[in-house]
Amino acid sequence: MPSFLDKAKEVIARNQDVLNALEELDRTGKLRKVNYKTRVAFTIDEELFNKFRAYCKENGINMSGKIESYIRKELKQVK
């Protein structure tokens, strides 16, 4: 059974972004968002991208949200 200290270290490691936001709140008096979106740039096959964009448009799907869900699914498979 892990000790309290081990469990605390695990929680801190898992929630470092939240702790950083709270430190900033303490320092500045302003609370920033914990989860920001980031713009990424990578190359993929143009035809594949055009088909995906058309598919999303036809079905009213947010492309970024769909790609995020694909990434989450892939990361779950890796674990």
Protein backbone atom coordinates (compact mmCIF):
# COMPACT_ATOMS: atom_id res chain seq x y z
CA MET A 1 0.00 0.00 0.00
CA PRO A 2 1.50 3.36 -1.05
CA SER A 3 2.31 5.86 1.67
CA PHE A 4 0.61 9.23 1.90
CA LEU A 5 3.74 10.89 0.54
CA ASP A 6 3.85 8.54 -2.47
CA LYS A 7 0.17 9.18 -3.19
CA ALA A 8 0.67 12.96 -2.83
CA LYS A 9 3.59 12.88 -5.28
CA GLU A 10 1.47 10.90 -7.75
CA VAL A 11 -1.42 13.40 -7.51
CA ILE A 12 0.98 16.34 -7.95
CA ALA A 13 2.58 14.75 -11.01
CA ARG A 14 -0.81 14.00 -12.56
CA ASN A 15 -2.20 17.50 -11.96
CA GLN A 16 0.81 19.73 -12.55
CA ASP A 17 -1.14 21.99 -14.93
CA VAL A 18 -3.77 22.71 -12.26
CA LEU A 19 -1.11 23.42 -9.64
CA ASN A 20 0.65 25.82 -12.02
CA ALA A 21 -2.64 27.66 -12.60
CA LEU A 22 -3.18 27.95 -8.83
CA GLU A 23 0.36 29.26 -8.35
CA GLU A 24 -0.33 31.89 -11.00
CA LEU A 25 -3.59 32.82 -9.23
CA ASP A 26 -1.70 33.26 -5.98
CA ARG A 27 0.99 35.36 -7.67
CA THR A 28 -1.20 37.53 -9.97
CA GLY A 29 -4.71 37.32 -8.55
CA LYS A 30 -5.97 36.07 -11.93
CA LEU A 31 -7.02 32.53 -12.73
CA ARG A 32 -6.20 31.42 -16.24
CA LYS A 33 -7.79 28.55 -18.10
CA VAL A 34 -6.15 25.22 -17.36
CA ASN A 35 -6.79 23.65 -20.76
CA TYR A 36 -5.90 25.80 -23.74
CA LYS A 37 -6.16 24.80 -27.34
CA THR A 38 -2.97 24.95 -29.34
CA ARG A 39 -2.50 25.45 -33.05
CA VAL A 40 -0.47 22.67 -34.63
CA ALA A 41 1.13 22.28 -38.03
CA PHE A 42 1.86 18.94 -39.62
CA THR A 43 1.65 17.51 -43.09
CA ILE A 44 -0.80 14.88 -44.27
CA ASP A 45 -1.86 13.59 -47.66
CA GLU A 46 -3.79 16.37 -49.44
CA GLU A 47 -6.42 14.05 -50.93
CA LEU A 48 -7.04 12.42 -47.56
CA PHE A 49 -7.39 15.84 -45.92
CA ASN A 50 -9.82 17.08 -48.58
CA LYS A 51 -11.97 13.96 -48.20
CA PHE A 52 -11.95 14.32 -44.41
CA ARG A 53 -12.88 18.00 -44.61
CA ALA A 54 -15.75 17.24 -47.01
CA TYR A 55 -16.94 14.39 -44.77
CA CYS A 56 -16.94 16.65 -41.72
CA LYS A 57 -18.73 19.44 -43.57
CA GLU A 58 -21.42 17.09 -44.94
CA ASN A 59 -22.04 15.61 -41.49
CA GLY A 60 -21.77 18.81 -39.45
CA ILE A 61 -18.70 17.53 -37.59
CA ASN A 62 -16.08 19.82 -36.05
CA MET A 63 -12.80 18.72 -37.63
CA SER A 64 -10.65 19.67 -34.64
CA GLY A 65 -12.96 17.87 -32.24
CA LYS A 66 -12.94 14.75 -34.40
CA ILE A 67 -9.14 14.72 -34.62
CA GLU A 68 -8.95 15.20 -30.83
CA SER A 69 -11.20 12.16 -30.36
CA TYR A 70 -9.01 10.09 -32.72
CA ILE A 71 -5.91 11.10 -30.74
CA ARG A 72 -7.58 10.24 -27.41
CA LYS A 73 -8.63 6.85 -28.80
CA GLU A 74 -5.09 6.15 -30.03
CA LEU A 75 -3.55 7.12 -26.69
CA LYS A 76 -5.93 4.81 -24.83
CA GLN A 77 -4.83 1.91 -27.06
CA VAL A 78 -1.17 2.59 -26.27
CA LYS A 79 -1.66 2.24 -22.49
